N, C-alpha and C. Protein backbone atom coordinates (compact mmCIF):
# COMPACT_ATOMS: atom_id res chain seq x y z
N MET A 1 1.67 4.87 23.04
CA MET A 1 2.47 3.35 22.55
C MET A 1 3.84 3.12 23.18
N SER A 2 4.84 2.84 23.79
CA SER A 2 6.19 2.24 23.39
C SER A 2 6.74 1.49 22.57
N LEU A 3 7.20 2.64 21.25
CA LEU A 3 7.77 2.08 20.10
C LEU A 3 9.04 2.39 19.81
N LYS A 4 9.12 1.82 18.86
CA LYS A 4 11.12 1.41 18.96
C LYS A 4 11.15 1.99 16.98
N GLU A 5 11.60 3.20 17.13
CA GLU A 5 11.26 3.99 15.48
C GLU A 5 11.34 2.84 14.43
N ARG A 6 11.68 1.44 14.39
CA ARG A 6 12.33 1.19 12.98
C ARG A 6 12.28 0.16 13.00
N LYS A 7 11.67 -1.13 12.11
CA LYS A 7 12.30 -2.60 11.84
C LYS A 7 13.07 -2.33 10.66
N ASP A 8 13.77 -4.06 11.09
CA ASP A 8 14.52 -4.22 10.08
C ASP A 8 14.06 -4.60 8.95
N PHE A 9 13.42 -4.77 7.97
CA PHE A 9 12.45 -5.37 7.18
C PHE A 9 13.90 -5.99 5.98
N ASP A 10 15.01 -5.70 6.10
CA ASP A 10 16.38 -6.10 4.96
C ASP A 10 16.51 -7.35 6.01
N LYS A 11 16.29 -7.37 7.32
CA LYS A 11 16.53 -9.10 7.51
C LYS A 11 15.23 -10.08 7.58
N GLU A 12 14.30 -9.61 7.15
CA GLU A 12 13.56 -10.31 7.15
C GLU A 12 12.89 -10.86 5.27
N ALA A 13 13.22 -9.78 4.44
CA ALA A 13 13.31 -10.31 3.29
C ALA A 13 13.46 -11.49 3.02
N ALA A 14 14.79 -11.96 2.53
CA ALA A 14 14.72 -13.59 2.18
C ALA A 14 14.03 -14.04 2.12
N ALA A 15 13.11 -14.50 3.73
CA ALA A 15 11.96 -15.29 3.87
C ALA A 15 10.90 -14.74 4.26
N TRP A 16 10.54 -13.73 3.64
CA TRP A 16 8.98 -12.80 3.52
C TRP A 16 8.06 -13.72 2.71
N ASP A 17 8.26 -13.87 1.55
CA ASP A 17 7.39 -14.96 0.88
C ASP A 17 7.40 -16.50 1.46
N GLU A 18 7.43 -16.92 2.25
CA GLU A 18 7.32 -18.26 2.74
C GLU A 18 6.49 -18.44 3.64
N ASN A 19 5.74 -17.52 4.53
CA ASN A 19 4.74 -17.20 5.24
C ASN A 19 3.57 -17.39 4.80
N PRO A 20 2.47 -17.91 4.78
CA PRO A 20 1.21 -18.24 3.23
C PRO A 20 0.56 -17.18 4.15
N VAL A 21 0.22 -17.13 5.12
CA VAL A 21 -0.88 -15.71 5.37
C VAL A 21 -0.36 -14.69 4.71
N ARG A 22 1.30 -14.18 4.49
CA ARG A 22 1.21 -13.09 3.73
C ARG A 22 0.85 -13.09 2.29
N THR A 23 1.21 -14.65 1.81
CA THR A 23 0.67 -14.61 0.19
C THR A 23 -0.77 -13.96 -0.07
N LYS A 24 -1.52 -14.93 0.54
CA LYS A 24 -2.78 -15.17 0.71
C LYS A 24 -3.64 -13.92 1.01
N LEU A 25 -2.64 -13.06 1.66
CA LEU A 25 -3.55 -11.54 2.66
C LEU A 25 -2.92 -10.71 0.80
N ALA A 26 -2.07 -11.05 0.36
CA ALA A 26 -1.38 -9.84 -0.74
C ALA A 26 -2.92 -10.54 -1.84
N ASN A 27 -2.83 -11.48 -2.77
CA ASN A 27 -4.05 -11.92 -3.47
C ASN A 27 -5.21 -11.01 -3.13
N ASP A 28 -5.67 -11.77 -1.37
CA ASP A 28 -6.68 -11.03 -0.84
C ASP A 28 -6.81 -9.69 -1.48
N VAL A 29 -5.99 -9.20 -1.48
CA VAL A 29 -6.22 -7.25 -1.38
C VAL A 29 -6.12 -7.54 -3.08
N ALA A 30 -5.11 -8.38 -3.58
CA ALA A 30 -5.44 -7.78 -4.75
C ALA A 30 -6.39 -7.44 -5.92
N ASP A 31 -7.10 -8.85 -5.70
CA ASP A 31 -8.97 -9.17 -6.23
C ASP A 31 -9.58 -8.05 -5.93
N ALA A 32 -10.02 -7.72 -4.30
CA ALA A 32 -10.37 -6.49 -3.93
C ALA A 32 -10.22 -4.82 -5.10
N LEU A 33 -8.47 -4.95 -5.00
CA LEU A 33 -8.15 -3.60 -5.48
C LEU A 33 -8.99 -3.47 -7.34
N ILE A 34 -7.98 -5.07 -7.60
CA ILE A 34 -8.69 -4.95 -8.89
C ILE A 34 -10.20 -5.20 -9.54
N ALA A 35 -11.19 -5.10 -8.44
CA ALA A 35 -12.36 -5.39 -8.23
C ALA A 35 -13.16 -3.50 -8.18
N ALA A 36 -12.86 -2.93 -7.41
CA ALA A 36 -12.37 -1.85 -7.12
C ALA A 36 -12.14 -0.36 -8.27
N THR A 37 -11.45 -1.05 -9.10
CA THR A 37 -10.40 0.25 -10.02
C THR A 37 -10.53 -0.25 -11.77
N GLN A 38 -10.53 -1.69 -11.83
CA GLN A 38 -10.79 -2.34 -12.77
C GLN A 38 -9.47 -1.66 -13.39
N PRO A 39 -8.00 -1.99 -13.60
CA PRO A 39 -6.89 -1.85 -13.55
C PRO A 39 -6.66 -1.72 -15.53
N THR A 40 -6.17 -0.56 -15.96
CA THR A 40 -5.90 -1.19 -17.66
C THR A 40 -4.34 -1.12 -18.02
N ARG A 41 -4.35 -2.08 -19.16
CA ARG A 41 -3.20 -1.34 -20.04
C ARG A 41 -2.46 0.15 -19.77
N GLU A 42 -3.61 0.83 -20.69
CA GLU A 42 -3.05 2.05 -20.05
C GLU A 42 -2.31 2.85 -18.76
N MET A 43 -2.53 2.05 -17.65
CA MET A 43 -2.14 3.04 -16.72
C MET A 43 -0.96 2.69 -16.71
N ASP A 44 -0.14 3.54 -15.78
CA ASP A 44 0.75 3.99 -15.19
C ASP A 44 0.60 3.50 -13.37
N VAL A 45 1.03 2.91 -13.11
CA VAL A 45 0.75 2.59 -11.59
C VAL A 45 1.98 2.24 -10.71
N LEU A 46 2.11 2.99 -9.42
CA LEU A 46 2.84 2.55 -7.84
C LEU A 46 2.53 1.98 -6.75
N ASP A 47 3.21 0.93 -6.58
CA ASP A 47 2.97 -0.15 -5.38
C ASP A 47 3.88 0.78 -4.28
N PHE A 48 3.06 1.90 -3.43
CA PHE A 48 3.90 1.98 -2.26
C PHE A 48 3.92 0.83 -0.99
N GLY A 49 5.92 1.14 -0.42
CA GLY A 49 5.89 -0.17 0.15
C GLY A 49 5.39 -1.19 -0.34
N CYS A 50 6.19 -1.51 -1.28
CA CYS A 50 5.26 -3.10 -1.95
C CYS A 50 6.44 -3.61 -1.67
N GLY A 51 7.13 -3.91 -0.61
CA GLY A 51 7.79 -5.35 -0.09
C GLY A 51 8.46 -6.43 -1.39
N THR A 52 7.97 -7.23 -0.87
CA THR A 52 9.05 -8.29 -2.06
C THR A 52 7.88 -8.42 -3.09
N GLY A 53 6.80 -7.22 -3.45
CA GLY A 53 6.60 -7.33 -4.56
C GLY A 53 5.25 -8.38 -4.61
N LEU A 54 4.73 -8.83 -3.61
CA LEU A 54 3.67 -9.81 -3.58
C LEU A 54 2.15 -8.71 -4.73
N LEU A 55 2.23 -7.85 -4.67
CA LEU A 55 0.84 -7.34 -4.97
C LEU A 55 1.51 -6.96 -5.95
N THR A 56 2.40 -6.02 -6.27
CA THR A 56 3.38 -6.00 -7.67
C THR A 56 2.73 -6.66 -8.55
N LEU A 57 3.20 -7.92 -8.36
CA LEU A 57 3.28 -8.38 -9.64
C LEU A 57 2.02 -9.53 -9.48
N ARG A 58 1.26 -8.89 -9.08
CA ARG A 58 -1.17 -9.04 -9.49
C ARG A 58 -1.00 -8.48 -10.38
N LEU A 59 -0.90 -7.23 -10.36
CA LEU A 59 -1.07 -5.67 -10.77
C LEU A 59 -0.88 -6.45 -12.11
N GLN A 60 0.85 -6.27 -12.10
CA GLN A 60 1.43 -6.67 -13.38
C GLN A 60 1.28 -6.94 -14.76
N PRO A 61 0.19 -7.85 -14.85
CA PRO A 61 0.05 -8.28 -16.08
C PRO A 61 -0.88 -7.38 -16.70
N LEU A 62 -2.26 -6.61 -15.68
CA LEU A 62 -2.76 -5.75 -15.62
C LEU A 62 -2.76 -4.35 -16.84
N VAL A 63 -1.26 -3.63 -15.91
CA VAL A 63 -0.69 -2.45 -16.24
C VAL A 63 -0.24 -2.23 -17.11
N ASN A 64 -0.01 -0.81 -17.61
CA ASN A 64 0.69 -0.47 -18.58
C ASN A 64 2.58 -0.89 -17.97
N VAL A 65 2.92 -0.10 -17.03
CA VAL A 65 3.94 0.25 -16.10
C VAL A 65 3.78 0.08 -14.42
N ILE A 66 4.67 -0.32 -14.03
CA ILE A 66 3.92 -0.37 -12.51
C ILE A 66 5.89 -0.03 -11.35
N THR A 67 5.58 0.41 -10.76
CA THR A 67 6.66 1.49 -10.02
C THR A 67 6.50 0.47 -8.59
N GLY A 68 7.67 -0.69 -8.29
CA GLY A 68 7.17 -0.87 -6.63
C GLY A 68 8.13 0.03 -6.13
N ALA A 69 8.16 0.99 -5.30
CA ALA A 69 8.68 1.94 -4.15
C ALA A 69 8.48 1.10 -2.97
N ASP A 70 10.35 1.16 -2.02
CA ASP A 70 10.18 0.67 -0.81
C ASP A 70 11.25 1.56 -0.05
N SER A 71 11.39 1.82 1.67
CA SER A 71 12.36 2.08 1.59
C SER A 71 13.76 0.85 2.07
N SER A 72 13.05 -0.20 1.87
CA SER A 72 14.06 -1.15 2.11
C SER A 72 14.72 -2.22 1.09
N GLN A 73 15.97 -1.85 0.97
CA GLN A 73 16.76 -2.08 -0.10
C GLN A 73 16.58 -4.07 -0.28
N GLY A 74 16.68 -4.55 1.06
CA GLY A 74 16.39 -6.07 0.89
C GLY A 74 15.42 -6.17 0.32
N MET A 75 14.42 -6.00 0.73
CA MET A 75 12.55 -5.95 0.14
C MET A 75 12.78 -5.78 -1.29
N LEU A 76 13.46 -4.81 -2.14
CA LEU A 76 13.49 -4.54 -3.77
C LEU A 76 14.51 -5.51 -4.24
N ALA A 77 15.58 -6.30 -3.29
CA ALA A 77 16.34 -6.77 -4.24
C ALA A 77 15.09 -8.37 -4.17
N VAL A 78 14.36 -8.70 -3.29
CA VAL A 78 13.68 -10.25 -4.12
C VAL A 78 12.80 -9.77 -4.79
N LEU A 79 12.16 -8.52 -5.26
CA LEU A 79 11.76 -8.25 -6.05
C LEU A 79 12.05 -8.01 -7.42
N ASP A 80 13.58 -7.43 -7.37
CA ASP A 80 14.52 -7.63 -8.61
C ASP A 80 14.56 -9.05 -8.71
N ALA A 81 14.97 -10.08 -8.45
CA ALA A 81 15.41 -10.93 -8.82
C ALA A 81 14.15 -11.96 -9.44
N LYS A 82 12.92 -11.28 -9.02
CA LYS A 82 11.81 -12.23 -9.61
C LYS A 82 11.56 -11.50 -10.73
N VAL A 83 12.25 -9.79 -11.49
CA VAL A 83 11.06 -9.60 -12.26
C VAL A 83 12.50 -10.27 -13.40
N ARG A 84 13.82 -10.23 -12.33
CA ARG A 84 14.73 -10.95 -13.77
C ARG A 84 14.21 -12.43 -13.92
N LYS A 85 13.95 -13.11 -13.18
CA LYS A 85 13.74 -14.20 -13.41
C LYS A 85 12.24 -14.80 -14.52
N GLN A 86 11.41 -13.58 -14.45
CA GLN A 86 10.75 -14.11 -15.30
C GLN A 86 10.44 -13.28 -16.71
N GLY A 87 11.52 -11.89 -16.76
CA GLY A 87 11.69 -11.56 -17.95
C GLY A 87 10.59 -10.24 -17.50
N LEU A 88 9.73 -9.60 -17.18
CA LEU A 88 9.26 -8.66 -17.32
C LEU A 88 9.74 -7.06 -17.17
N ALA A 89 9.41 -7.12 -18.26
CA ALA A 89 9.90 -5.02 -18.74
C ALA A 89 8.61 -4.39 -18.56
N ASN A 90 8.27 -4.60 -17.54
CA ASN A 90 7.21 -3.82 -17.26
C ASN A 90 6.96 -3.55 -15.54
N VAL A 91 8.17 -4.00 -15.19
CA VAL A 91 8.01 -3.76 -12.95
C VAL A 91 9.90 -2.96 -13.65
N ARG A 92 9.22 -1.44 -12.80
CA ARG A 92 10.22 -0.77 -12.05
C ARG A 92 10.58 -0.73 -9.98
N THR A 93 11.57 -0.86 -10.07
CA THR A 93 11.56 -0.36 -8.74
C THR A 93 12.32 0.68 -8.34
N ARG A 94 12.39 1.41 -6.62
CA ARG A 94 12.64 2.52 -6.35
C ARG A 94 12.48 2.23 -5.24
N ILE A 95 14.54 2.87 -4.20
CA ILE A 95 14.51 3.08 -3.36
C ILE A 95 13.34 4.33 -2.72
N VAL A 96 13.17 3.78 -1.32
CA VAL A 96 12.48 5.50 -0.91
C VAL A 96 12.30 5.71 -0.07
N ASP A 97 12.41 6.84 1.05
CA ASP A 97 12.45 7.16 1.97
C ASP A 97 11.68 8.14 2.35
N PHE A 98 10.43 8.35 2.36
CA PHE A 98 9.68 9.91 2.45
C PHE A 98 9.81 10.40 4.00
N GLU A 99 10.05 9.01 4.74
CA GLU A 99 10.70 10.31 6.19
C GLU A 99 11.92 11.31 6.09
N HIS A 100 13.00 11.21 4.83
CA HIS A 100 14.32 11.32 5.58
C HIS A 100 14.15 11.69 3.80
N GLY A 101 12.92 13.07 3.38
CA GLY A 101 12.95 13.47 2.53
C GLY A 101 13.23 12.59 0.35
N GLY A 102 12.92 11.73 0.83
CA GLY A 102 13.01 10.74 -0.65
C GLY A 102 11.49 10.98 -1.12
N LYS A 103 11.98 11.70 -3.19
CA LYS A 103 11.28 11.52 -3.47
C LYS A 103 11.31 10.51 -5.11
N ILE A 104 9.68 10.60 -5.56
CA ILE A 104 9.56 9.74 -6.43
C ILE A 104 9.09 10.29 -7.74
N ALA A 105 10.05 10.37 -8.85
CA ALA A 105 9.94 11.31 -9.93
C ALA A 105 8.26 10.43 -10.68
N GLY A 106 8.25 11.16 -11.15
CA GLY A 106 7.05 10.69 -12.62
C GLY A 106 5.36 10.74 -11.88
N VAL A 107 4.57 10.45 -12.73
CA VAL A 107 2.98 10.70 -12.31
C VAL A 107 2.50 9.46 -12.12
N PHE A 108 1.16 9.15 -11.88
CA PHE A 108 0.39 8.01 -11.89
C PHE A 108 -0.95 7.96 -12.25
N HIS A 109 -1.25 6.91 -12.20
CA HIS A 109 -3.33 6.75 -13.16
C HIS A 109 -3.36 5.82 -11.65
N LEU A 110 -2.47 5.13 -10.83
CA LEU A 110 -2.87 4.43 -9.96
C LEU A 110 -2.39 4.47 -8.85
N VAL A 111 -2.19 4.11 -7.67
CA VAL A 111 -1.06 3.83 -5.86
C VAL A 111 -1.66 3.25 -5.24
N VAL A 112 -0.91 2.51 -5.36
CA VAL A 112 -1.91 1.60 -4.20
C VAL A 112 -0.55 1.20 -3.02
N SER A 113 -1.32 0.68 -1.90
CA SER A 113 0.13 0.87 -0.54
C SER A 113 -0.76 -0.17 0.39
N SER A 114 -0.48 -1.27 0.70
CA SER A 114 -1.11 -1.89 1.41
C SER A 114 -0.37 -3.52 2.72
N MET A 115 -0.13 -2.81 3.42
CA MET A 115 -0.44 -3.11 5.29
C MET A 115 1.31 -2.39 5.46
N THR A 116 1.45 -0.73 5.01
CA THR A 116 1.95 -0.36 5.17
C THR A 116 2.08 1.20 5.57
N LEU A 117 1.06 1.33 5.51
CA LEU A 117 0.62 2.96 6.33
C LEU A 117 0.52 2.55 7.78
N HIS A 118 0.49 1.49 8.53
CA HIS A 118 0.66 1.85 10.03
C HIS A 118 2.17 1.89 10.66
N HIS A 119 2.63 1.72 10.22
CA HIS A 119 4.31 1.93 9.37
C HIS A 119 5.16 3.11 9.54
N VAL A 120 3.97 4.30 9.05
CA VAL A 120 4.21 5.59 8.70
C VAL A 120 3.79 6.09 10.02
N PRO A 121 4.68 6.91 10.93
CA PRO A 121 4.18 7.86 12.05
C PRO A 121 3.28 8.56 11.18
N ASP A 122 3.92 9.43 10.22
CA ASP A 122 2.57 10.69 10.22
C ASP A 122 1.22 10.50 8.39
N THR A 123 0.37 10.24 8.49
CA THR A 123 -0.61 9.47 8.18
C THR A 123 -0.65 10.48 6.94
N GLY A 124 -1.37 11.46 7.52
CA GLY A 124 -2.02 12.91 6.65
C GLY A 124 -0.44 13.65 5.74
N THR A 125 0.63 13.87 6.23
CA THR A 125 1.31 14.19 5.19
C THR A 125 1.77 12.84 3.71
N LEU A 126 1.24 11.43 4.40
CA LEU A 126 2.28 10.68 3.31
C LEU A 126 1.19 10.83 2.45
N LEU A 127 -0.68 10.85 2.59
CA LEU A 127 -1.62 11.12 2.01
C LEU A 127 -1.28 12.41 0.88
N ARG A 128 -1.41 13.50 1.00
CA ARG A 128 -1.14 14.33 0.69
C ARG A 128 0.50 14.59 -0.51
N ARG A 129 1.34 13.62 -0.08
CA ARG A 129 2.53 13.55 -1.29
C ARG A 129 1.46 12.72 -1.98
N LEU A 130 0.71 11.50 -1.63
CA LEU A 130 0.83 10.41 -2.60
C LEU A 130 -0.58 10.72 -3.72
N TYR A 131 -1.21 12.11 -3.01
CA TYR A 131 -2.38 13.10 -3.63
C TYR A 131 -1.89 13.32 -4.80
N ASP A 132 0.02 13.97 -4.75
CA ASP A 132 0.59 14.59 -5.69
C ASP A 132 1.27 14.04 -7.01
N LEU A 133 1.25 12.89 -6.11
CA LEU A 133 1.50 12.06 -7.60
C LEU A 133 0.86 11.22 -8.29
N LEU A 134 -0.02 11.72 -8.37
CA LEU A 134 -1.35 11.18 -9.32
C LEU A 134 -1.87 12.21 -10.42
N LEU A 135 -1.78 11.60 -11.65
CA LEU A 135 -2.49 12.44 -12.09
C LEU A 135 -4.05 12.67 -11.90
N PRO A 136 -4.64 13.72 -12.58
CA PRO A 136 -6.09 14.30 -12.77
C PRO A 136 -6.85 13.44 -12.15
N GLY A 137 -7.77 12.67 -11.45
CA GLY A 137 -9.22 11.69 -11.91
C GLY A 137 -8.25 10.35 -11.29
N GLY A 138 -6.91 10.43 -10.91
CA GLY A 138 -6.61 9.68 -10.71
C GLY A 138 -6.40 8.79 -9.48
N ARG A 139 -6.45 7.32 -8.66
CA ARG A 139 -6.81 7.37 -7.17
C ARG A 139 -5.77 6.24 -6.35
N LEU A 140 -6.04 6.68 -5.34
CA LEU A 140 -5.02 5.86 -4.35
C LEU A 140 -6.11 5.36 -3.67
N CYS A 141 -5.57 3.43 -3.37
CA CYS A 141 -6.31 2.70 -3.06
C CYS A 141 -5.11 2.49 -1.50
N ILE A 142 -5.80 2.31 -0.34
CA ILE A 142 -4.68 1.63 0.68
C ILE A 142 -5.33 0.87 1.45
N ALA A 143 -4.00 -0.59 1.52
CA ALA A 143 -5.52 -1.31 1.92
C ALA A 143 -4.37 -1.41 3.72
N ASP A 144 -5.30 -2.12 4.71
CA ASP A 144 -4.38 -1.86 5.99
C ASP A 144 -5.31 -2.54 7.02
N LEU A 145 -4.59 -2.69 8.46
CA LEU A 145 -6.01 -2.94 9.62
C LEU A 145 -7.01 -2.46 9.89
N ASP A 146 -7.97 -2.80 10.42
CA ASP A 146 -8.44 -2.49 11.32
C ASP A 146 -8.45 -1.97 12.83
N LEU A 147 -9.25 -1.14 13.26
CA LEU A 147 -8.40 -0.47 14.35
C LEU A 147 -8.14 -2.14 15.35
N GLU A 148 -7.35 -1.96 16.38
CA GLU A 148 -6.89 -3.44 16.81
C GLU A 148 -6.29 -2.94 18.27
N ASP A 149 -5.73 -3.32 19.11
CA ASP A 149 -5.37 -3.30 20.34
C ASP A 149 -3.86 -4.02 20.81
N GLY A 150 -3.29 -4.22 19.37
CA GLY A 150 -2.17 -4.12 19.25
C GLY A 150 -1.05 -5.88 19.55
N SER A 151 -2.46 -6.56 19.41
CA SER A 151 -1.79 -8.04 19.45
C SER A 151 -1.54 -8.45 18.49
N PHE A 152 -1.51 -8.03 16.70
CA PHE A 152 -2.10 -8.17 15.69
C PHE A 152 -0.42 -9.14 15.51
N HIS A 153 0.54 -7.65 15.35
CA HIS A 153 2.12 -8.08 15.38
C HIS A 153 2.49 -8.56 16.75
N ALA A 154 3.20 -9.70 16.68
CA ALA A 154 3.66 -10.45 18.08
C ALA A 154 5.39 -9.63 18.28
N ASP A 155 6.02 -8.08 17.44
CA ASP A 155 7.20 -7.99 17.49
C ASP A 155 5.84 -6.19 17.12
N ASN A 156 5.69 -5.36 18.18
CA ASN A 156 5.48 -3.60 17.77
C ASN A 156 6.56 -2.60 17.02
N THR A 157 8.00 -3.85 17.05
CA THR A 157 8.90 -2.31 16.63
C THR A 157 8.24 -1.87 15.00
N GLY A 158 8.11 -0.42 15.31
CA GLY A 158 8.24 -0.06 13.96
C GLY A 158 6.68 0.24 13.35
N VAL A 159 5.48 -0.22 14.56
CA VAL A 159 4.67 -0.27 14.20
C VAL A 159 4.30 1.12 15.20
N PHE A 160 3.21 2.28 13.96
CA PHE A 160 2.82 3.60 14.23
C PHE A 160 1.38 3.80 14.88
N HIS A 161 1.40 2.92 14.11
CA HIS A 161 -0.36 2.62 14.56
C HIS A 161 -1.18 1.21 15.01
N TYR A 162 -2.11 1.34 15.36
CA TYR A 162 -2.80 -0.57 15.79
C TYR A 162 -3.83 -0.45 15.09
N GLY A 163 -3.57 -0.77 13.62
CA GLY A 163 -5.02 -0.13 12.80
C GLY A 163 -5.05 1.10 12.81
N PHE A 164 -6.49 1.29 11.55
CA PHE A 164 -7.09 2.46 11.62
C PHE A 164 -8.76 2.18 11.77
N ASP A 165 -8.85 3.20 12.63
CA ASP A 165 -10.34 3.69 12.41
C ASP A 165 -10.85 3.79 11.27
N ARG A 166 -12.10 3.52 10.25
CA ARG A 166 -12.20 3.93 9.26
C ARG A 166 -12.67 5.18 8.77
N LEU A 167 -14.03 5.32 9.24
CA LEU A 167 -14.42 6.73 9.40
C LEU A 167 -13.09 7.75 9.67
N HIS A 168 -12.09 7.75 10.29
CA HIS A 168 -11.13 8.79 11.30
C HIS A 168 -9.83 9.23 9.56
N LEU A 169 -9.83 7.61 8.76
CA LEU A 169 -8.80 7.59 7.95
C LEU A 169 -9.40 8.57 6.71
N LYS A 170 -10.74 8.18 6.44
CA LYS A 170 -11.47 8.81 5.15
C LYS A 170 -11.47 10.13 5.25
N GLY A 171 -11.86 10.65 6.11
CA GLY A 171 -11.48 11.72 6.77
C GLY A 171 -9.83 12.34 6.98
N ILE A 172 -9.01 12.12 7.19
CA ILE A 172 -7.42 12.16 6.25
C ILE A 172 -7.48 11.69 4.65
N PHE A 173 -8.01 11.15 4.34
CA PHE A 173 -8.57 11.15 2.82
C PHE A 173 -8.53 12.05 2.00
N GLN A 174 -10.12 12.89 2.54
CA GLN A 174 -10.03 13.69 2.50
C GLN A 174 -9.82 14.68 2.72
N ALA A 175 -9.21 15.20 3.50
CA ALA A 175 -7.93 16.30 3.66
C ALA A 175 -7.54 16.93 3.17
N ALA A 176 -6.75 15.66 2.40
CA ALA A 176 -5.89 16.13 1.99
C ALA A 176 -6.02 15.48 -0.08
N GLY A 177 -6.93 15.80 -0.29
CA GLY A 177 -7.91 16.77 -1.17
C GLY A 177 -9.16 15.42 -2.30
N PHE A 178 -8.70 14.02 -1.10
CA PHE A 178 -9.69 13.07 -2.39
C PHE A 178 -10.93 12.99 -2.34
N SER A 179 -11.91 12.39 -2.99
CA SER A 179 -12.88 12.97 -3.41
C SER A 179 -13.66 11.39 -3.68
N GLU A 180 -15.08 11.08 -3.80
CA GLU A 180 -15.51 9.29 -4.19
C GLU A 180 -14.91 8.68 -3.69
N ILE A 181 -14.65 9.14 -1.71
CA ILE A 181 -14.01 7.96 -0.96
C ILE A 181 -14.74 7.29 -0.11
N ARG A 182 -14.46 5.94 -0.74
CA ARG A 182 -14.90 4.64 -0.28
C ARG A 182 -14.51 3.07 -0.01
N ASP A 183 -15.05 2.68 1.17
CA ASP A 183 -14.53 1.67 2.05
C ASP A 183 -14.90 0.18 1.80
N THR A 184 -14.16 -0.94 1.93
CA THR A 184 -14.98 -2.13 1.52
C THR A 184 -13.83 -2.97 2.24
N THR A 185 -13.82 -4.54 2.75
CA THR A 185 -13.22 -5.54 3.86
C THR A 185 -13.01 -6.45 2.71
N ALA A 186 -11.35 -6.24 2.48
CA ALA A 186 -10.57 -6.85 1.80
C ALA A 186 -9.80 -7.70 1.87
N ALA A 187 -9.58 -8.07 3.11
CA ALA A 187 -9.64 -9.92 3.70
C ALA A 187 -9.90 -9.63 5.03
N ARG A 188 -9.89 -11.27 5.63
CA ARG A 188 -9.35 -11.23 6.95
C ARG A 188 -8.20 -11.62 7.27
N ILE A 189 -7.56 -11.84 8.05
CA ILE A 189 -6.48 -12.67 8.71
C ILE A 189 -7.15 -13.13 9.98
N VAL A 190 -6.90 -14.49 9.90
CA VAL A 190 -7.03 -14.92 11.17
C VAL A 190 -6.09 -16.14 12.19
N ARG A 191 -5.72 -15.39 13.25
CA ARG A 191 -4.63 -16.51 13.51
C ARG A 191 -4.89 -16.48 15.32
N THR A 192 -3.94 -17.46 15.01
CA THR A 192 -4.54 -18.18 15.86
C THR A 192 -3.88 -18.43 17.56
N GLY A 193 -4.20 -18.69 19.06
CA GLY A 193 -3.77 -17.76 20.05
C GLY A 193 -4.59 -19.05 21.20
N GLU A 194 -3.85 -18.70 22.60
CA GLU A 194 -3.91 -19.52 23.15
C GLU A 194 -5.77 -19.64 23.68
N LYS A 195 -6.31 -18.15 23.26
CA LYS A 195 -8.17 -18.26 23.53
C LYS A 195 -8.51 -18.04 22.08
N GLY A 196 -7.80 -19.24 21.82
CA GLY A 196 -8.82 -19.33 20.43
C GLY A 196 -8.12 -18.43 18.89
N ASN A 197 -9.08 -18.69 18.21
CA ASN A 197 -9.22 -17.56 16.55
C ASN A 197 -9.65 -16.73 17.37
N ARG A 198 -8.23 -15.48 16.36
CA ARG A 198 -9.31 -14.42 16.25
C ARG A 198 -8.84 -13.81 14.97
N GLU A 199 -9.80 -13.18 14.80
CA GLU A 199 -10.41 -12.64 13.00
C GLU A 199 -9.44 -10.77 12.92
N PHE A 200 -8.66 -10.19 11.90
CA PHE A 200 -8.03 -9.07 12.35
C PHE A 200 -8.57 -8.50 10.44
N PRO A 201 -9.98 -8.13 10.49
CA PRO A 201 -9.90 -7.58 9.30
C PRO A 201 -8.99 -6.96 8.09
N VAL A 202 -9.38 -6.57 7.07
CA VAL A 202 -8.10 -5.51 6.14
C VAL A 202 -9.41 -4.60 5.81
N PHE A 203 -9.19 -3.46 5.56
CA PHE A 203 -10.07 -2.44 4.83
C PHE A 203 -9.19 -1.77 3.89
N LEU A 204 -9.96 -1.45 2.64
CA LEU A 204 -9.37 -1.54 1.17
C LEU A 204 -10.48 0.11 1.23
N ILE A 205 -9.27 1.41 1.68
CA ILE A 205 -10.45 2.71 1.00
C ILE A 205 -9.75 3.30 -0.06
N THR A 206 -10.12 3.48 -0.83
CA THR A 206 -9.72 4.59 -2.16
C THR A 206 -11.01 5.91 -2.29
N GLY A 207 -9.66 6.49 -3.20
CA GLY A 207 -10.08 7.98 -3.11
C GLY A 207 -9.40 8.14 -4.04
N ARG A 208 -10.30 9.35 -5.20
CA ARG A 208 -9.56 9.73 -6.92
C ARG A 208 -9.54 11.55 -6.49
N LYS A 209 -8.38 11.91 -6.87
CA LYS A 209 -7.40 12.39 -7.56
C LYS A 209 -8.93 13.61 -7.82
N ARG A 210 -9.15 15.00 -7.67
CA ARG A 210 -10.20 15.52 -8.22
C ARG A 210 -9.48 16.73 -9.46
N PHE A 211 -10.19 16.56 -10.27
CA PHE A 211 -10.35 17.37 -11.75
C PHE A 211 -9.87 18.82 -11.48
N PRO A 212 -9.06 19.40 -11.54
CA PRO A 212 -8.61 21.37 -11.75
C PRO A 212 -10.10 21.34 -12.07
N VAL A 213 -10.30 22.82 -11.11
CA VAL A 213 -11.17 23.45 -11.94
C VAL A 213 -11.15 24.63 -12.64
N ILE A 214 -11.83 24.62 -13.83
CA ILE A 214 -11.43 25.57 -14.80
C ILE A 214 -12.85 26.56 -14.59
N GLU A 215 -11.61 28.00 -14.22
CA GLU A 215 -12.79 29.04 -14.56
C GLU A 215 -12.85 29.73 -15.89
N GLY A 216 -14.38 30.12 -16.00
CA GLY A 216 -14.21 31.20 -17.03
C GLY A 216 -13.92 30.49 -18.43
N GLY A 217 -14.98 28.97 -18.57
CA GLY A 217 -14.96 27.91 -19.44
C GLY A 217 -15.92 28.88 -20.12
N LEU A 218 -15.72 27.97 -21.42
CA LEU A 218 -17.14 27.78 -22.77
C LEU A 218 -18.59 27.94 -22.29
């Protein structure tokens, strides 16, 4: 692939939520994620690559605290404005860029990420870092595109993967240490082109962090 390194999400942040495809996708992913994980008010959650918080704010009423993390200050500014307007006390935002040494403090019962993984060059390293942020028994949920030919985005700037083969990605989950790895179809995005409608499935893959093995127990 001949790809530019970065997409400037700061410039797109103000109008991001105006696209009804994005809002529908966030709701579809949220529905699938809630069904798969049954979040509770005892859970601390991280939404990695949260953007303007479409998924974050769907999960917010169901959990204890949710942290929205993103590398785009512009996207987080939009989310921060929503949080202030709605008077939400259990939403945090964090600017973080893992690729340049950024870190997130804390540990979480649940880590979610939607439509972010295809913008990350090294998926294995990211999944290992997210694994480290989970409490034992915690779960990681990744939603992204099934393998496609590069036609999903009109501009492939910052796109490092044209979707993912589910079996291959589940292998990366396993290599990162996850167990109980499952996948389902969370949404279907329909795009209209010169040759008619085309459907792009979006998967949800979940995995659980293993509990430590205790040797010499009674």
